[in-house]
Amino acid sequence: MIHIQHLSKKYHQNQVLTNINLHLKKGMVAGLIGQNGTGKTTLIKCILGLTQFHEGDICINGESILNGPNYRKLIGYMAQVGRYPEKMQVAQLFEMMKQLRQSDATDTELWESFELHKIRHQYLGQLSGGTTQKVSAALAFMFNPEILILDEPTAGLDPIASEILKDKIKKESEHKLILITSHILNDLDEIASHVVFLQQGTLLFFETLEQLKIKSGHQKLGKTIAEIMLERSAIV
């Protein structure tokens, strides 16, 4: 579904991504991880068309994103921090998104599970960080997209809301491609099928979670990644 070929990106003289090759398919829940500043956010922005890349290409369902923005209709995106008009009500935001997408909401499960109808008349600027995350999650899934890109989706959520969202991700993973960035590796342990690890703008590895655990001998992703990073530091 997402085929990244020889992707490179610079900010001025700073090389942020170098020759990234990655093929993500339907049915995957890919955890995109790496230390801060390794290019995770830039890679997501490239896929979403929010920043230009200098070399390579990104294809969605076989078509280059350089051919136009229509591919974005296939993607549901949840930003790490949702930024919405402060004086807009929650219900107004959802109606606006329906108009922009020119589509009805076909997946209201998170709207209902998070009981967002109870705050539909509240202004977005009055919401707590956790409640704003619930709004962002509900919006990401609302149009039943084929691809979901979730940036730190459980950060700021209370334990109950976090479990609701993780259950939703597991449920949808059978027939969608889901790409998740998260520093909460315990969450990825529960929901990820694959791990994409970036280091200093390069793709260090892309493997199934099961393969990684077998190689490392650890049952926890956190210990596996810590061991890999220590080994890489020793080599450097």
C-alpha atoms as a PDB file:
ATOM      1  CA  MET A   1       0.000   0.000   0.000  1.00  0.00           C
ATOM      2  CA  ILE A   2       2.857   2.389   0.844  1.00  0.00           C
ATOM      3  CA  HIS A   3       6.000   1.823  -1.200  1.00  0.00           C
ATOM      4  CA  ILE A   4       8.894   4.149  -0.344  1.00  0.00           C
ATOM      5  CA  GLN A   5      11.775   4.056  -2.809  1.00  0.00           C
ATOM      6  CA  HIS A   6      15.226   5.630  -2.309  1.00  0.00           C
ATOM      7  CA  LEU A   7      13.727   8.501  -0.308  1.00  0.00           C
ATOM      8  CA  SER A   8      16.077  11.262   0.823  1.00  0.00           C
ATOM      9  CA  LYS A   9      15.286  14.590   2.451  1.00  0.00           C
ATOM     10  CA  LYS A  10      17.385  17.597   3.465  1.00  0.00           C
ATOM     11  CA  TYR A  11      16.628  20.665   5.526  1.00  0.00           C
ATOM     12  CA  HIS A  12      19.152  23.163   4.186  1.00  0.00           C
ATOM     13  CA  GLN A  13      22.460  21.295   4.619  1.00  0.00           C
ATOM     14  CA  ASN A  14      21.108  18.886   7.213  1.00  0.00           C
ATOM     15  CA  GLN A  15      20.472  15.397   5.792  1.00  0.00           C
ATOM     16  CA  VAL A  16      17.369  14.174   7.615  1.00  0.00           C
ATOM     17  CA  LEU A  17      16.484  11.042   5.618  1.00  0.00           C
ATOM     18  CA  THR A  18      18.913   9.014   3.536  1.00  0.00           C
ATOM     19  CA  ASN A  19      17.906   6.432   0.919  1.00  0.00           C
ATOM     20  CA  ILE A  20      14.868   5.021   2.727  1.00  0.00           C
ATOM     21  CA  ASN A  21      13.367   1.916   1.115  1.00  0.00           C
ATOM     22  CA  LEU A  22      10.256   0.486   2.725  1.00  0.00           C
ATOM     23  CA  HIS A  23       7.214  -1.488   1.575  1.00  0.00           C
ATOM     24  CA  LEU A  24       4.232  -1.474   3.933  1.00  0.00           C
ATOM     25  CA  LYS A  25       1.219  -3.675   3.178  1.00  0.00           C
ATOM     26  CA  LYS A  26      -2.387  -4.057   4.241  1.00  0.00           C
ATOM     27  CA  GLY A  27      -2.711  -6.088   7.430  1.00  0.00           C
ATOM     28  CA  MET A  28       0.429  -4.625   9.001  1.00  0.00           C
ATOM     29  CA  VAL A  29       0.616  -2.603  12.187  1.00  0.00           C
ATOM     30  CA  ALA A  30       4.072  -1.095  11.790  1.00  0.00           C
ATOM     31  CA  GLY A  31       5.674   0.599  14.773  1.00  0.00           C
ATOM     32  CA  LEU A  32       7.931   3.437  13.593  1.00  0.00           C
ATOM     33  CA  ILE A  33      10.530   3.970  16.295  1.00  0.00           C
ATOM     34  CA  GLY A  34      13.902   5.583  16.880  1.00  0.00           C
ATOM     35  CA  GLN A  35      15.472   8.233  19.058  1.00  0.00           C
ATOM     36  CA  ASN A  36      14.380  11.867  18.851  1.00  0.00           C
ATOM     37  CA  GLY A  37      15.700  13.567  15.735  1.00  0.00           C
ATOM     38  CA  THR A  38      16.025  10.380  13.678  1.00  0.00           C
ATOM     39  CA  GLY A  39      13.551  11.473  10.992  1.00  0.00           C
ATOM     40  CA  LYS A  40      10.309   9.779  12.068  1.00  0.00           C
ATOM     41  CA  THR A  41       8.195  12.927  11.872  1.00  0.00           C
ATOM     42  CA  THR A  42       9.824  13.968   8.607  1.00  0.00           C
ATOM     43  CA  LEU A  43       9.057  10.575   7.078  1.00  0.00           C
ATOM     44  CA  ILE A  44       5.401  10.910   8.080  1.00  0.00           C
ATOM     45  CA  LYS A  45       5.261  14.446   6.658  1.00  0.00           C
ATOM     46  CA  CYS A  46       6.689  13.159   3.377  1.00  0.00           C
ATOM     47  CA  ILE A  47       4.002  10.462   3.158  1.00  0.00           C
ATOM     48  CA  LEU A  48       1.270  12.995   3.918  1.00  0.00           C
ATOM     49  CA  GLY A  49       2.639  15.465   1.379  1.00  0.00           C
ATOM     50  CA  LEU A  50       3.306  18.083   4.057  1.00  0.00           C
ATOM     51  CA  THR A  51       6.959  18.447   3.057  1.00  0.00           C
ATOM     52  CA  GLN A  52       8.824  17.901  -0.185  1.00  0.00           C
ATOM     53  CA  PHE A  53      11.576  15.320  -0.546  1.00  0.00           C
ATOM     54  CA  HIS A  54      14.663  15.728  -2.695  1.00  0.00           C
ATOM     55  CA  GLU A  55      15.207  12.234  -4.052  1.00  0.00           C
ATOM     56  CA  GLY A  56      13.166   9.058  -4.503  1.00  0.00           C
ATOM     57  CA  ASP A  57       9.435   8.498  -4.535  1.00  0.00           C
ATOM     58  CA  ILE A  58       6.489   7.397  -2.407  1.00  0.00           C
ATOM     59  CA  CYS A  59       3.711   5.374  -4.013  1.00  0.00           C
ATOM     60  CA  ILE A  60       0.288   4.737  -2.487  1.00  0.00           C
ATOM     61  CA  ASN A  61      -1.460   1.735  -4.028  1.00  0.00           C
ATOM     62  CA  GLY A  62       1.000   1.848  -6.912  1.00  0.00           C
ATOM     63  CA  GLU A  63       0.634   5.546  -7.767  1.00  0.00           C
ATOM     64  CA  SER A  64       3.197   8.225  -6.951  1.00  0.00           C
ATOM     65  CA  ILE A  65       2.042  10.876  -4.502  1.00  0.00           C
ATOM     66  CA  LEU A  66       3.753  13.392  -6.803  1.00  0.00           C
ATOM     67  CA  ASN A  67       0.858  12.932  -9.232  1.00  0.00           C
ATOM     68  CA  GLY A  68      -1.578  14.808  -7.008  1.00  0.00           C
ATOM     69  CA  PRO A  69      -3.238  14.951  -3.580  1.00  0.00           C
ATOM     70  CA  ASN A  70      -6.154  12.582  -4.187  1.00  0.00           C
ATOM     71  CA  TYR A  71      -4.337   9.760  -2.363  1.00  0.00           C
ATOM     72  CA  ARG A  72      -4.850  11.614   0.913  1.00  0.00           C
ATOM     73  CA  LYS A  73      -8.479  10.478   0.916  1.00  0.00           C
ATOM     74  CA  LEU A  74      -7.141   6.994   1.648  1.00  0.00           C
ATOM     75  CA  ILE A  75      -5.350   8.137   4.819  1.00  0.00           C
ATOM     76  CA  GLY A  76      -6.577   8.832   8.331  1.00  0.00           C
ATOM     77  CA  TYR A  77      -4.060  10.867  10.327  1.00  0.00           C
ATOM     78  CA  MET A  78      -3.814  11.431  14.061  1.00  0.00           C
ATOM     79  CA  ALA A  79      -1.236  14.062  14.990  1.00  0.00           C
ATOM     80  CA  GLN A  80       0.751  13.851  18.215  1.00  0.00           C
ATOM     81  CA  VAL A  81      -0.806  17.151  19.287  1.00  0.00           C
ATOM     82  CA  GLY A  82      -4.156  18.072  17.769  1.00  0.00           C
ATOM     83  CA  ARG A  83      -4.381  21.779  16.983  1.00  0.00           C
ATOM     84  CA  TYR A  84      -7.911  22.959  16.298  1.00  0.00           C
ATOM     85  CA  PRO A  85      -9.723  26.338  16.225  1.00  0.00           C
ATOM     86  CA  GLU A  86     -10.218  27.241  19.879  1.00  0.00           C
ATOM     87  CA  LYS A  87     -13.602  28.882  19.353  1.00  0.00           C
ATOM     88  CA  MET A  88     -15.046  25.967  17.379  1.00  0.00           C
ATOM     89  CA  GLN A  89     -17.287  23.426  19.074  1.00  0.00           C
ATOM     90  CA  VAL A  90     -16.491  19.700  18.915  1.00  0.00           C
ATOM     91  CA  ALA A  91     -19.578  18.923  16.811  1.00  0.00           C
ATOM     92  CA  GLN A  92     -18.738  21.768  14.427  1.00  0.00           C
ATOM     93  CA  LEU A  93     -15.269  20.322  13.873  1.00  0.00           C
ATOM     94  CA  PHE A  94     -16.684  16.947  12.874  1.00  0.00           C
ATOM     95  CA  GLU A  95     -19.212  18.559  10.537  1.00  0.00           C
ATOM     96  CA  MET A  96     -16.475  20.669   8.958  1.00  0.00           C
ATOM     97  CA  MET A  97     -14.349  17.563   8.348  1.00  0.00           C
ATOM     98  CA  LYS A  98     -17.302  15.835   6.661  1.00  0.00           C
ATOM     99  CA  GLN A  99     -17.660  18.799   4.331  1.00  0.00           C
ATOM    100  CA  LEU A 100     -13.937  18.961   3.581  1.00  0.00           C
ATOM    101  CA  ARG A 101     -13.802  15.232   2.885  1.00  0.00           C
ATOM    102  CA  GLN A 102     -17.102  15.389   1.007  1.00  0.00           C
ATOM    103  CA  SER A 103     -18.049  12.212   2.795  1.00  0.00           C
ATOM    104  CA  ASP A 104     -20.272  10.986   5.594  1.00  0.00           C
ATOM    105  CA  ALA A 105     -18.816   9.496   8.752  1.00  0.00           C
ATOM    106  CA  THR A 106     -18.940   5.731   8.283  1.00  0.00           C
ATOM    107  CA  ASP A 107     -17.047   4.730  11.447  1.00  0.00           C
ATOM    108  CA  THR A 108     -18.378   6.376  14.594  1.00  0.00           C
ATOM    109  CA  GLU A 109     -17.202   3.690  16.999  1.00  0.00           C
ATOM    110  CA  LEU A 110     -14.641   5.875  18.792  1.00  0.00           C
ATOM    111  CA  TRP A 111     -17.038   8.839  18.880  1.00  0.00           C
ATOM    112  CA  GLU A 112     -19.425   6.582  20.772  1.00  0.00           C
ATOM    113  CA  SER A 113     -16.846   4.709  22.886  1.00  0.00           C
ATOM    114  CA  PHE A 114     -15.247   7.973  24.032  1.00  0.00           C
ATOM    115  CA  GLU A 115     -18.748   9.450  24.605  1.00  0.00           C
ATOM    116  CA  LEU A 116     -17.837  12.541  22.628  1.00  0.00           C
ATOM    117  CA  HIS A 117     -21.530  13.340  22.206  1.00  0.00           C
ATOM    118  CA  LYS A 118     -21.457  14.521  25.821  1.00  0.00           C
ATOM    119  CA  ILE A 119     -18.982  17.289  24.934  1.00  0.00           C
ATOM    120  CA  ARG A 120     -20.235  18.052  21.429  1.00  0.00           C
ATOM    121  CA  HIS A 121     -21.093  21.654  22.352  1.00  0.00           C
ATOM    122  CA  GLN A 122     -17.841  22.370  24.196  1.00  0.00           C
ATOM    123  CA  TYR A 123     -15.250  24.608  22.579  1.00  0.00           C
ATOM    124  CA  LEU A 124     -12.083  22.869  21.431  1.00  0.00           C
ATOM    125  CA  GLY A 125      -9.929  25.414  23.233  1.00  0.00           C
ATOM    126  CA  GLN A 126     -11.478  24.351  26.557  1.00  0.00           C
ATOM    127  CA  LEU A 127     -10.633  20.646  26.215  1.00  0.00           C
ATOM    128  CA  SER A 128      -7.910  18.912  28.176  1.00  0.00           C
ATOM    129  CA  GLY A 129      -5.002  17.346  26.308  1.00  0.00           C
ATOM    130  CA  GLY A 130      -6.398  13.856  26.807  1.00  0.00           C
ATOM    131  CA  THR A 131      -9.848  14.792  25.545  1.00  0.00           C
ATOM    132  CA  THR A 132      -8.306  16.475  22.500  1.00  0.00           C
ATOM    133  CA  GLN A 133      -6.501  13.181  21.818  1.00  0.00           C
ATOM    134  CA  LYS A 134      -9.843  11.385  21.874  1.00  0.00           C
ATOM    135  CA  VAL A 135     -11.205  13.854  19.335  1.00  0.00           C
ATOM    136  CA  SER A 136      -8.160  13.330  17.104  1.00  0.00           C
ATOM    137  CA  ALA A 137      -8.450   9.551  17.298  1.00  0.00           C
ATOM    138  CA  ALA A 138     -12.149   9.603  16.446  1.00  0.00           C
ATOM    139  CA  LEU A 139     -11.459  11.859  13.443  1.00  0.00           C
ATOM    140  CA  ALA A 140      -8.656   9.610  12.172  1.00  0.00           C
ATOM    141  CA  PHE A 141     -10.908   6.552  12.007  1.00  0.00           C
ATOM    142  CA  MET A 142     -14.153   8.317  11.111  1.00  0.00           C
ATOM    143  CA  PHE A 143     -13.998   8.007   7.307  1.00  0.00           C
ATOM    144  CA  ASN A 144     -12.920   4.360   7.354  1.00  0.00           C
ATOM    145  CA  PRO A 145      -9.574   4.992   5.575  1.00  0.00           C
ATOM    146  CA  GLU A 146      -7.455   2.211   4.114  1.00  0.00           C
ATOM    147  CA  ILE A 147      -4.327   3.628   5.762  1.00  0.00           C
ATOM    148  CA  LEU A 148      -3.993   5.025   9.292  1.00  0.00           C
ATOM    149  CA  ILE A 149      -0.997   7.051  10.445  1.00  0.00           C
ATOM    150  CA  LEU A 150      -1.058   7.554  14.207  1.00  0.00           C
ATOM    151  CA  ASP A 151       1.579   9.738  15.864  1.00  0.00           C
ATOM    152  CA  GLU A 152       1.958   8.898  19.572  1.00  0.00           C
ATOM    153  CA  PRO A 153      -1.735   7.910  19.715  1.00  0.00           C
ATOM    154  CA  THR A 154      -1.945   6.851  23.381  1.00  0.00           C
ATOM    155  CA  ALA A 155       0.134   9.715  24.807  1.00  0.00           C
ATOM    156  CA  GLY A 156      -2.013  11.704  27.223  1.00  0.00           C
ATOM    157  CA  LEU A 157      -4.881   9.219  27.260  1.00  0.00           C
ATOM    158  CA  ASP A 158      -6.190   7.826  30.523  1.00  0.00           C
ATOM    159  CA  PRO A 159      -5.837   4.012  30.951  1.00  0.00           C
ATOM    160  CA  ILE A 160      -9.424   3.254  29.917  1.00  0.00           C
ATOM    161  CA  ALA A 161      -9.266   5.430  26.789  1.00  0.00           C
ATOM    162  CA  SER A 162      -5.878   3.959  25.917  1.00  0.00           C
ATOM    163  CA  GLU A 163      -7.258   0.426  26.033  1.00  0.00           C
ATOM    164  CA  ILE A 164     -10.266   1.449  23.939  1.00  0.00           C
ATOM    165  CA  LEU A 165      -7.963   2.870  21.272  1.00  0.00           C
ATOM    166  CA  LYS A 166      -5.600  -0.125  21.290  1.00  0.00           C
ATOM    167  CA  ASP A 167      -8.560  -2.486  20.931  1.00  0.00           C
ATOM    168  CA  LYS A 168      -9.780  -0.421  17.993  1.00  0.00           C
ATOM    169  CA  ILE A 169      -6.355  -0.584  16.327  1.00  0.00           C
ATOM    170  CA  LYS A 170      -6.231  -4.365  16.743  1.00  0.00           C
ATOM    171  CA  LYS A 171      -9.734  -4.696  15.316  1.00  0.00           C
ATOM    172  CA  GLU A 172      -9.004  -2.549  12.251  1.00  0.00           C
ATOM    173  CA  SER A 173      -5.560  -4.005  11.563  1.00  0.00           C
ATOM    174  CA  GLU A 174      -6.921  -7.022   9.687  1.00  0.00           C
ATOM    175  CA  HIS A 175      -8.022  -4.962   6.698  1.00  0.00           C
ATOM    176  CA  LYS A 176      -5.975  -1.753   6.945  1.00  0.00           C
ATOM    177  CA  LEU A 177      -2.373  -0.627   7.024  1.00  0.00           C
ATOM    178  CA  ILE A 178      -1.593   1.118  10.305  1.00  0.00           C
ATOM    179  CA  LEU A 179       1.650   3.044  10.882  1.00  0.00           C
ATOM    180  CA  ILE A 180       2.280   4.115  14.484  1.00  0.00           C
ATOM    181  CA  THR A 181       5.011   6.200  16.065  1.00  0.00           C
ATOM    182  CA  SER A 182       5.309   5.729  19.797  1.00  0.00           C
ATOM    183  CA  HIS A 183       7.786   6.057  22.627  1.00  0.00           C
ATOM    184  CA  ILE A 184       5.543   3.774  24.695  1.00  0.00           C
ATOM    185  CA  LEU A 185       7.075   0.479  23.600  1.00  0.00           C
ATOM    186  CA  ASN A 186       4.798  -1.551  25.868  1.00  0.00           C
ATOM    187  CA  ASP A 187       1.880  -0.401  23.715  1.00  0.00           C
ATOM    188  CA  LEU A 188       3.655  -1.502  20.538  1.00  0.00           C
ATOM    189  CA  ASP A 189       4.318  -4.865  22.180  1.00  0.00           C
ATOM    190  CA  GLU A 190       0.563  -5.358  22.314  1.00  0.00           C
ATOM    191  CA  ILE A 191      -0.461  -4.122  18.871  1.00  0.00           C
ATOM    192  CA  ALA A 192       2.481  -4.029  16.417  1.00  0.00           C
ATOM    193  CA  SER A 193       3.161  -6.763  13.885  1.00  0.00           C
ATOM    194  CA  HIS A 194       6.295  -5.101  12.447  1.00  0.00           C
ATOM    195  CA  VAL A 195       8.961  -2.671  13.632  1.00  0.00           C
ATOM    196  CA  VAL A 196      10.522   0.072  11.497  1.00  0.00           C
ATOM    197  CA  PHE A 197      13.649   1.427  13.204  1.00  0.00           C
ATOM    198  CA  LEU A 198      15.237   4.671  12.048  1.00  0.00           C
ATOM    199  CA  GLN A 199      18.658   5.793  13.195  1.00  0.00           C
ATOM    200  CA  GLN A 200      20.186   9.092  12.126  1.00  0.00           C
ATOM    201  CA  GLY A 201      17.881   9.295   9.136  1.00  0.00           C
ATOM    202  CA  THR A 202      18.586   5.820   7.801  1.00  0.00           C
ATOM    203  CA  LEU A 203      16.513   2.652   7.992  1.00  0.00           C
ATOM    204  CA  LEU A 204      18.374   0.404  10.407  1.00  0.00           C
ATOM    205  CA  PHE A 205      15.914  -2.478  10.112  1.00  0.00           C
ATOM    206  CA  PHE A 206      12.356  -3.440   9.184  1.00  0.00           C
ATOM    207  CA  GLU A 207      11.315  -6.763  10.672  1.00  0.00           C
ATOM    208  CA  THR A 208       8.395  -8.520  12.268  1.00  0.00           C
ATOM    209  CA  LEU A 209       8.108  -8.127  16.002  1.00  0.00           C
ATOM    210  CA  GLU A 210       8.346 -11.901  16.342  1.00  0.00           C
ATOM    211  CA  GLN A 211      11.623 -12.043  14.381  1.00  0.00           C
ATOM    212  CA  LEU A 212      13.142  -9.326  16.542  1.00  0.00           C
ATOM    213  CA  LYS A 213      12.254 -11.093  19.759  1.00  0.00           C
ATOM    214  CA  ILE A 214      13.657 -14.409  18.502  1.00  0.00           C
ATOM    215  CA  LYS A 215      16.931 -12.746  17.481  1.00  0.00           C
ATOM    216  CA  SER A 216      17.359 -10.902  20.763  1.00  0.00           C
ATOM    217  CA  GLY A 217      16.028 -13.596  23.054  1.00  0.00           C
ATOM    218  CA  HIS A 218      13.868 -11.014  24.836  1.00  0.00           C
ATOM    219  CA  GLN A 219      10.085 -11.073  25.105  1.00  0.00           C
ATOM    220  CA  LYS A 220       9.761  -7.311  25.567  1.00  0.00           C
ATOM    221  CA  LEU A 221      10.292  -4.864  22.729  1.00  0.00           C
ATOM    222  CA  GLY A 222      11.817  -2.297  25.089  1.00  0.00           C
ATOM    223  CA  LYS A 223      14.653  -4.631  26.091  1.00  0.00           C
ATOM    224  CA  THR A 224      15.165  -5.693  22.481  1.00  0.00           C
ATOM    225  CA  ILE A 225      15.525  -2.114  21.245  1.00  0.00           C
ATOM    226  CA  ALA A 226      17.741  -1.116  24.184  1.00  0.00           C
ATOM    227  CA  GLU A 227      20.099  -3.988  23.365  1.00  0.00           C
ATOM    228  CA  ILE A 228      20.246  -3.031  19.689  1.00  0.00           C
ATOM    229  CA  MET A 229      20.997   0.600  20.516  1.00  0.00           C
ATOM    230  CA  LEU A 230      23.750  -0.372  22.943  1.00  0.00           C
ATOM    231  CA  GLU A 231      25.317  -2.619  20.322  1.00  0.00           C
ATOM    232  CA  ARG A 232      25.200   0.150  17.725  1.00  0.00           C
ATOM    233  CA  SER A 233      26.748   2.618  20.187  1.00  0.00           C
ATOM    234  CA  ALA A 234      29.592   0.216  20.866  1.00  0.00           C
ATOM    235  CA  ILE A 235      30.267  -0.140  17.112  1.00  0.00           C
ATOM    236  CA  VAL A 236      30.313   3.636  16.627  1.00  0.00           C
END
